[in-house]
Amino acid sequence: MRSALTRLGAAVAAAALLAGCSGGDGGETPKEPEGLAAAEVCGGFAKDAPAAAALKAAMGSERFRDSLSNPEKALDLLRDATSAPLADSYRPQAVKYCGLLPMESGKDSLSIELNPAREAPGLHPEHAKKVTSYTTGLQAFSSSGLGRIYFSCRLKAPAHEIVVETVVRGPGGVPETDVAQRTRLITLANAAARQVSGELGCEDDGLATGVPSRTAHPAS
């Protein structure tokens, strides 16, 4: 009798252990994380480790949601600009290539806009005091809230060469002395510019890989 009770007790304990391992009938299925990972946003422009790290640090978030991104319209604007040389009076409206919000409420957005330009503008000495310049494309500079990259897009004939202005607008409230944030923003602008260059088929764009290096300011 004692042997039978011992075997029964062992069987009950084993069943309880298995139920615990399987979660039991009342166990909750883990929820899928909300939003998009850095590597998934805006066509995957931030899939490489440096850009993914820059995006997470710049926005203080691990997950994101889209905010009125319009990549095809932005690319069409650039394609149209290659059909003829840009006139001196040409003032196109920049188009948002990528717009992102962090999943956490109360935090600010980030956007990347594209615009065709006639040339890289250089920097006025007074403006140069307020930004950091970087080695990528024709010209690149950033404050802690706004960064710009100009790169050349040379296409096969009959398309005309254009200069692409890539503008990144970061979250507000970051101190102007935060050079690390400036580098994060320019890293994101550079990653987006590289993706755009590839989608357009640009040649000799001069864009850096990974994190662009700081450099002296160009003359205006």
C-alpha atoms as a PDB file:
ATOM      1  CA  MET A   1       0.000   0.000   0.000  1.00  0.00           C
ATOM      2  CA  ARG A   2       2.791   2.374   0.937  1.00  0.00           C
ATOM      3  CA  SER A   3       4.567   1.592  -2.358  1.00  0.00           C
ATOM      4  CA  ALA A   4       1.420   2.388  -4.323  1.00  0.00           C
ATOM      5  CA  LEU A   5       1.000   5.737  -2.513  1.00  0.00           C
ATOM      6  CA  THR A   6       4.631   6.564  -3.180  1.00  0.00           C
ATOM      7  CA  ARG A   7       4.209   5.890  -6.911  1.00  0.00           C
ATOM      8  CA  LEU A   8       1.008   7.977  -6.978  1.00  0.00           C
ATOM      9  CA  GLY A   9       2.723  10.891  -5.246  1.00  0.00           C
ATOM     10  CA  ALA A  10       5.603  10.792  -7.696  1.00  0.00           C
ATOM     11  CA  ALA A  11       3.204  10.787 -10.626  1.00  0.00           C
ATOM     12  CA  VAL A  12       1.313  13.820  -9.258  1.00  0.00           C
ATOM     13  CA  ALA A  13       4.569  15.711  -8.685  1.00  0.00           C
ATOM     14  CA  ALA A  14       5.748  14.951 -12.224  1.00  0.00           C
ATOM     15  CA  ALA A  15       2.443  16.143 -13.676  1.00  0.00           C
ATOM     16  CA  ALA A  16       2.661  19.359 -11.701  1.00  0.00           C
ATOM     17  CA  LEU A  17       6.232  19.927 -12.898  1.00  0.00           C
ATOM     18  CA  LEU A  18       5.226  19.420 -16.531  1.00  0.00           C
ATOM     19  CA  ALA A  19       2.271  21.752 -16.142  1.00  0.00           C
ATOM     20  CA  GLY A  20       4.579  24.389 -14.689  1.00  0.00           C
ATOM     21  CA  CYS A  21       7.022  24.058 -17.585  1.00  0.00           C
ATOM     22  CA  SER A  22       4.295  24.340 -20.198  1.00  0.00           C
ATOM     23  CA  GLY A  23       2.689  27.358 -18.583  1.00  0.00           C
ATOM     24  CA  GLY A  24      -0.507  25.507 -17.742  1.00  0.00           C
ATOM     25  CA  ASP A  25      -3.957  26.280 -19.057  1.00  0.00           C
ATOM     26  CA  GLY A  26      -3.976  29.639 -17.310  1.00  0.00           C
ATOM     27  CA  GLY A  27      -0.529  30.822 -18.506  1.00  0.00           C
ATOM     28  CA  GLU A  28      -0.348  34.064 -20.515  1.00  0.00           C
ATOM     29  CA  THR A  29       1.292  34.128 -23.942  1.00  0.00           C
ATOM     30  CA  PRO A  30       4.077  36.741 -23.996  1.00  0.00           C
ATOM     31  CA  LYS A  31       2.990  39.864 -25.883  1.00  0.00           C
ATOM     32  CA  GLU A  32       4.776  40.843 -29.055  1.00  0.00           C
ATOM     33  CA  PRO A  33       6.638  44.146 -28.605  1.00  0.00           C
ATOM     34  CA  GLU A  34       4.732  47.103 -30.008  1.00  0.00           C
ATOM     35  CA  GLY A  35       6.065  49.281 -32.777  1.00  0.00           C
ATOM     36  CA  LEU A  36       9.028  48.854 -35.092  1.00  0.00           C
ATOM     37  CA  ALA A  37      12.624  48.021 -34.288  1.00  0.00           C
ATOM     38  CA  ALA A  38      15.311  50.408 -35.549  1.00  0.00           C
ATOM     39  CA  ALA A  39      16.225  48.020 -38.367  1.00  0.00           C
ATOM     40  CA  GLU A  40      12.610  48.014 -39.621  1.00  0.00           C
ATOM     41  CA  VAL A  41      11.861  51.723 -39.936  1.00  0.00           C
ATOM     42  CA  CYS A  42      11.626  53.560 -43.253  1.00  0.00           C
ATOM     43  CA  GLY A  43      12.770  50.763 -45.533  1.00  0.00           C
ATOM     44  CA  GLY A  44      15.534  49.622 -43.203  1.00  0.00           C
ATOM     45  CA  PHE A  45      17.860  52.622 -43.569  1.00  0.00           C
ATOM     46  CA  ALA A  46      18.983  52.158 -39.957  1.00  0.00           C
ATOM     47  CA  LYS A  47      19.569  48.411 -40.141  1.00  0.00           C
ATOM     48  CA  ASP A  48      23.349  48.702 -39.748  1.00  0.00           C
ATOM     49  CA  ALA A  49      24.619  48.748 -36.170  1.00  0.00           C
ATOM     50  CA  PRO A  50      25.947  52.368 -36.118  1.00  0.00           C
ATOM     51  CA  ALA A  51      22.683  53.817 -37.459  1.00  0.00           C
ATOM     52  CA  ALA A  52      20.522  51.634 -35.210  1.00  0.00           C
ATOM     53  CA  ALA A  53      22.502  52.707 -32.153  1.00  0.00           C
ATOM     54  CA  ALA A  54      22.316  56.365 -33.220  1.00  0.00           C
ATOM     55  CA  LEU A  55      18.540  56.186 -33.675  1.00  0.00           C
ATOM     56  CA  LYS A  56      17.922  54.581 -30.281  1.00  0.00           C
ATOM     57  CA  ALA A  57      20.202  57.045 -28.485  1.00  0.00           C
ATOM     58  CA  ALA A  58      18.944  60.126 -30.345  1.00  0.00           C
ATOM     59  CA  MET A  59      15.310  59.364 -29.523  1.00  0.00           C
ATOM     60  CA  GLY A  60      15.743  57.562 -26.214  1.00  0.00           C
ATOM     61  CA  SER A  61      13.650  54.622 -27.375  1.00  0.00           C
ATOM     62  CA  GLU A  62      14.008  51.028 -28.547  1.00  0.00           C
ATOM     63  CA  ARG A  63      10.763  50.924 -30.593  1.00  0.00           C
ATOM     64  CA  PHE A  64       9.216  53.385 -33.033  1.00  0.00           C
ATOM     65  CA  ARG A  65       6.094  54.198 -35.043  1.00  0.00           C
ATOM     66  CA  ASP A  66       5.833  55.879 -38.406  1.00  0.00           C
ATOM     67  CA  SER A  67       4.854  59.540 -38.662  1.00  0.00           C
ATOM     68  CA  LEU A  68       3.770  60.538 -42.179  1.00  0.00           C
ATOM     69  CA  SER A  69       6.766  59.112 -44.043  1.00  0.00           C
ATOM     70  CA  ASN A  70       6.492  59.496 -47.819  1.00  0.00           C
ATOM     71  CA  PRO A  71       9.618  57.901 -49.319  1.00  0.00           C
ATOM     72  CA  GLU A  72       8.240  57.392 -52.829  1.00  0.00           C
ATOM     73  CA  LYS A  73       7.145  61.019 -53.150  1.00  0.00           C
ATOM     74  CA  ALA A  74      10.570  62.140 -51.905  1.00  0.00           C
ATOM     75  CA  LEU A  75      12.360  59.936 -54.442  1.00  0.00           C
ATOM     76  CA  ASP A  76      10.051  61.100 -57.248  1.00  0.00           C
ATOM     77  CA  LEU A  77      10.964  64.704 -56.420  1.00  0.00           C
ATOM     78  CA  LEU A  78      14.637  63.875 -56.917  1.00  0.00           C
ATOM     79  CA  ARG A  79      14.017  61.874 -60.084  1.00  0.00           C
ATOM     80  CA  ASP A  80      12.072  64.785 -61.586  1.00  0.00           C
ATOM     81  CA  ALA A  81      14.983  67.106 -60.796  1.00  0.00           C
ATOM     82  CA  THR A  82      17.361  64.984 -62.887  1.00  0.00           C
ATOM     83  CA  SER A  83      15.326  65.551 -66.051  1.00  0.00           C
ATOM     84  CA  ALA A  84      16.713  69.071 -66.600  1.00  0.00           C
ATOM     85  CA  PRO A  85      19.283  71.400 -64.975  1.00  0.00           C
ATOM     86  CA  LEU A  86      17.884  73.262 -61.974  1.00  0.00           C
ATOM     87  CA  ALA A  87      17.143  76.923 -62.626  1.00  0.00           C
ATOM     88  CA  ASP A  88      18.526  79.581 -60.296  1.00  0.00           C
ATOM     89  CA  SER A  89      14.969  80.368 -59.196  1.00  0.00           C
ATOM     90  CA  TYR A  90      14.086  76.717 -58.471  1.00  0.00           C
ATOM     91  CA  ARG A  91      12.752  76.425 -54.919  1.00  0.00           C
ATOM     92  CA  PRO A  92      11.194  72.976 -54.461  1.00  0.00           C
ATOM     93  CA  GLN A  93       9.369  71.987 -51.305  1.00  0.00           C
ATOM     94  CA  ALA A  94      11.290  69.377 -49.318  1.00  0.00           C
ATOM     95  CA  VAL A  95       9.489  66.054 -48.838  1.00  0.00           C
ATOM     96  CA  LYS A  96       9.590  63.906 -45.711  1.00  0.00           C
ATOM     97  CA  TYR A  97      11.420  60.706 -46.577  1.00  0.00           C
ATOM     98  CA  CYS A  98      11.136  59.316 -43.052  1.00  0.00           C
ATOM     99  CA  GLY A  99       9.163  60.434 -40.006  1.00  0.00           C
ATOM    100  CA  LEU A 100       9.363  58.609 -36.683  1.00  0.00           C
ATOM    101  CA  LEU A 101       7.867  58.821 -33.217  1.00  0.00           C
ATOM    102  CA  PRO A 102       9.046  56.816 -30.204  1.00  0.00           C
ATOM    103  CA  MET A 103       6.539  54.334 -28.794  1.00  0.00           C
ATOM    104  CA  GLU A 104       6.823  56.036 -25.408  1.00  0.00           C
ATOM    105  CA  SER A 105       4.375  58.929 -25.142  1.00  0.00           C
ATOM    106  CA  GLY A 106       5.609  62.393 -24.332  1.00  0.00           C
ATOM    107  CA  LYS A 107       8.782  62.135 -26.411  1.00  0.00           C
ATOM    108  CA  ASP A 108       9.561  64.162 -29.516  1.00  0.00           C
ATOM    109  CA  SER A 109       9.740  63.055 -33.157  1.00  0.00           C
ATOM    110  CA  LEU A 110      12.538  62.735 -35.706  1.00  0.00           C
ATOM    111  CA  SER A 111      12.250  63.364 -39.437  1.00  0.00           C
ATOM    112  CA  ILE A 112      14.467  63.120 -42.513  1.00  0.00           C
ATOM    113  CA  GLU A 113      13.642  65.261 -45.551  1.00  0.00           C
ATOM    114  CA  LEU A 114      15.003  65.254 -49.095  1.00  0.00           C
ATOM    115  CA  ASN A 115      15.426  68.138 -51.487  1.00  0.00           C
ATOM    116  CA  PRO A 116      17.289  68.666 -54.775  1.00  0.00           C
ATOM    117  CA  ALA A 117      19.834  71.491 -54.639  1.00  0.00           C
ATOM    118  CA  ARG A 118      22.074  73.234 -57.134  1.00  0.00           C
ATOM    119  CA  GLU A 119      25.206  72.995 -54.970  1.00  0.00           C
ATOM    120  CA  ALA A 120      26.544  72.618 -51.450  1.00  0.00           C
ATOM    121  CA  PRO A 121      26.321  76.069 -49.860  1.00  0.00           C
ATOM    122  CA  GLY A 122      29.430  76.239 -47.678  1.00  0.00           C
ATOM    123  CA  LEU A 123      29.152  77.812 -44.210  1.00  0.00           C
ATOM    124  CA  HIS A 124      29.083  81.422 -43.088  1.00  0.00           C
ATOM    125  CA  PRO A 125      31.617  81.954 -40.268  1.00  0.00           C
ATOM    126  CA  GLU A 126      28.870  82.858 -37.784  1.00  0.00           C
ATOM    127  CA  HIS A 127      26.901  79.721 -38.656  1.00  0.00           C
ATOM    128  CA  ALA A 128      30.034  77.596 -38.431  1.00  0.00           C
ATOM    129  CA  LYS A 129      30.390  78.537 -34.750  1.00  0.00           C
ATOM    130  CA  LYS A 130      27.069  76.849 -33.976  1.00  0.00           C
ATOM    131  CA  VAL A 131      27.533  73.508 -35.756  1.00  0.00           C
ATOM    132  CA  THR A 132      29.960  70.603 -36.158  1.00  0.00           C
ATOM    133  CA  SER A 133      31.125  69.620 -39.653  1.00  0.00           C
ATOM    134  CA  TYR A 134      31.672  66.041 -40.808  1.00  0.00           C
ATOM    135  CA  THR A 135      33.452  64.218 -43.633  1.00  0.00           C
ATOM    136  CA  THR A 136      30.787  62.739 -45.887  1.00  0.00           C
ATOM    137  CA  GLY A 137      29.305  63.715 -49.234  1.00  0.00           C
ATOM    138  CA  LEU A 138      30.057  67.209 -50.482  1.00  0.00           C
ATOM    139  CA  GLN A 139      29.291  68.874 -47.171  1.00  0.00           C
ATOM    140  CA  ALA A 140      27.796  67.846 -43.831  1.00  0.00           C
ATOM    141  CA  PHE A 141      27.152  69.686 -40.595  1.00  0.00           C
ATOM    142  CA  SER A 142      24.876  69.411 -37.585  1.00  0.00           C
ATOM    143  CA  SER A 143      23.687  71.135 -34.451  1.00  0.00           C
ATOM    144  CA  SER A 144      22.087  69.128 -31.658  1.00  0.00           C
ATOM    145  CA  GLY A 145      18.665  69.512 -33.286  1.00  0.00           C
ATOM    146  CA  LEU A 146      19.242  69.836 -37.038  1.00  0.00           C
ATOM    147  CA  GLY A 147      21.710  68.239 -39.443  1.00  0.00           C
ATOM    148  CA  ARG A 148      22.315  68.526 -43.195  1.00  0.00           C
ATOM    149  CA  ILE A 149      24.225  66.483 -45.752  1.00  0.00           C
ATOM    150  CA  TYR A 150      24.752  67.472 -49.377  1.00  0.00           C
ATOM    151  CA  PHE A 151      25.877  64.754 -51.754  1.00  0.00           C
ATOM    152  CA  SER A 152      26.318  64.576 -55.504  1.00  0.00           C
ATOM    153  CA  CYS A 153      24.112  62.199 -57.471  1.00  0.00           C
ATOM    154  CA  ARG A 154      25.616  61.512 -60.883  1.00  0.00           C
ATOM    155  CA  LEU A 155      23.373  59.388 -63.085  1.00  0.00           C
ATOM    156  CA  LYS A 156      23.759  57.897 -66.523  1.00  0.00           C
ATOM    157  CA  ALA A 157      22.734  60.085 -69.501  1.00  0.00           C
ATOM    158  CA  PRO A 158      20.313  61.528 -70.347  1.00  0.00           C
ATOM    159  CA  ALA A 159      19.712  62.232 -66.648  1.00  0.00           C
ATOM    160  CA  HIS A 160      21.379  65.339 -65.222  1.00  0.00           C
ATOM    161  CA  GLU A 161      23.599  65.330 -62.152  1.00  0.00           C
ATOM    162  CA  ILE A 162      21.994  66.848 -59.070  1.00  0.00           C
ATOM    163  CA  VAL A 163      22.999  67.629 -55.509  1.00  0.00           C
ATOM    164  CA  VAL A 164      20.767  66.025 -52.895  1.00  0.00           C
ATOM    165  CA  GLU A 165      20.154  67.843 -49.621  1.00  0.00           C
ATOM    166  CA  THR A 166      19.329  65.448 -46.774  1.00  0.00           C
ATOM    167  CA  VAL A 167      17.974  67.174 -43.670  1.00  0.00           C
ATOM    168  CA  VAL A 168      17.468  65.468 -40.306  1.00  0.00           C
ATOM    169  CA  ARG A 169      15.388  67.160 -37.625  1.00  0.00           C
ATOM    170  CA  GLY A 170      15.922  65.602 -34.214  1.00  0.00           C
ATOM    171  CA  PRO A 171      14.016  65.717 -30.936  1.00  0.00           C
ATOM    172  CA  GLY A 172      13.882  69.081 -29.196  1.00  0.00           C
ATOM    173  CA  GLY A 173      15.242  69.986 -25.804  1.00  0.00           C
ATOM    174  CA  VAL A 174      18.783  68.685 -26.375  1.00  0.00           C
ATOM    175  CA  PRO A 175      21.514  71.089 -25.168  1.00  0.00           C
ATOM    176  CA  GLU A 176      23.362  72.831 -27.989  1.00  0.00           C
ATOM    177  CA  THR A 177      26.642  71.689 -26.448  1.00  0.00           C
ATOM    178  CA  ASP A 178      25.745  68.010 -26.891  1.00  0.00           C
ATOM    179  CA  VAL A 179      28.245  67.045 -29.609  1.00  0.00           C
ATOM    180  CA  ALA A 180      27.320  63.365 -29.261  1.00  0.00           C
ATOM    181  CA  GLN A 181      23.766  64.184 -30.376  1.00  0.00           C
ATOM    182  CA  ARG A 182      25.141  66.068 -33.369  1.00  0.00           C
ATOM    183  CA  THR A 183      27.066  62.963 -34.403  1.00  0.00           C
ATOM    184  CA  ARG A 184      23.990  60.765 -33.926  1.00  0.00           C
ATOM    185  CA  LEU A 185      21.911  63.008 -36.178  1.00  0.00           C
ATOM    186  CA  ILE A 186      24.533  63.173 -38.914  1.00  0.00           C
ATOM    187  CA  THR A 187      24.950  59.387 -38.717  1.00  0.00           C
ATOM    188  CA  LEU A 188      21.208  58.977 -39.354  1.00  0.00           C
ATOM    189  CA  ALA A 189      21.217  61.519 -42.177  1.00  0.00           C
ATOM    190  CA  ASN A 190      24.194  59.737 -43.720  1.00  0.00           C
ATOM    191  CA  ALA A 191      22.513  56.321 -43.475  1.00  0.00           C
ATOM    192  CA  ALA A 192      19.375  57.689 -45.121  1.00  0.00           C
ATOM    193  CA  ALA A 193      21.443  59.436 -47.810  1.00  0.00           C
ATOM    194  CA  ARG A 194      23.244  56.189 -48.598  1.00  0.00           C
ATOM    195  CA  GLN A 195      19.938  54.369 -48.963  1.00  0.00           C
ATOM    196  CA  VAL A 196      18.539  57.116 -51.213  1.00  0.00           C
ATOM    197  CA  SER A 197      21.701  57.118 -53.318  1.00  0.00           C
ATOM    198  CA  GLY A 198      21.354  53.378 -53.838  1.00  0.00           C
ATOM    199  CA  GLU A 199      17.672  53.632 -54.752  1.00  0.00           C
ATOM    200  CA  LEU A 200      18.368  56.352 -57.310  1.00  0.00           C
ATOM    201  CA  GLY A 201      21.482  54.650 -58.692  1.00  0.00           C
ATOM    202  CA  CYS A 202      23.815  57.570 -57.926  1.00  0.00           C
ATOM    203  CA  GLU A 203      27.494  57.197 -58.766  1.00  0.00           C
ATOM    204  CA  ASP A 204      30.435  58.653 -56.820  1.00  0.00           C
ATOM    205  CA  ASP A 205      28.292  60.061 -54.006  1.00  0.00           C
ATOM    206  CA  GLY A 206      31.237  60.339 -51.596  1.00  0.00           C
ATOM    207  CA  LEU A 207      29.125  59.249 -48.638  1.00  0.00           C
ATOM    208  CA  ALA A 208      30.886  57.718 -45.652  1.00  0.00           C
ATOM    209  CA  THR A 209      30.155  54.306 -44.206  1.00  0.00           C
ATOM    210  CA  GLY A 210      29.162  54.002 -40.565  1.00  0.00           C
ATOM    211  CA  VAL A 211      29.733  57.096 -38.435  1.00  0.00           C
ATOM    212  CA  PRO A 212      31.115  60.134 -40.337  1.00  0.00           C
ATOM    213  CA  SER A 213      34.250  61.718 -38.887  1.00  0.00           C
ATOM    214  CA  ARG A 214      34.368  65.278 -37.620  1.00  0.00           C
ATOM    215  CA  THR A 215      36.317  67.728 -39.757  1.00  0.00           C
ATOM    216  CA  ALA A 216      37.149  71.402 -40.166  1.00  0.00           C
ATOM    217  CA  HIS A 217      34.401  73.659 -41.509  1.00  0.00           C
ATOM    218  CA  PRO A 218      34.423  74.312 -45.271  1.00  0.00           C
ATOM    219  CA  ALA A 219      34.724  77.867 -46.502  1.00  0.00           C
ATOM    220  CA  SER A 220      31.531  79.611 -47.560  1.00  0.00           C
END
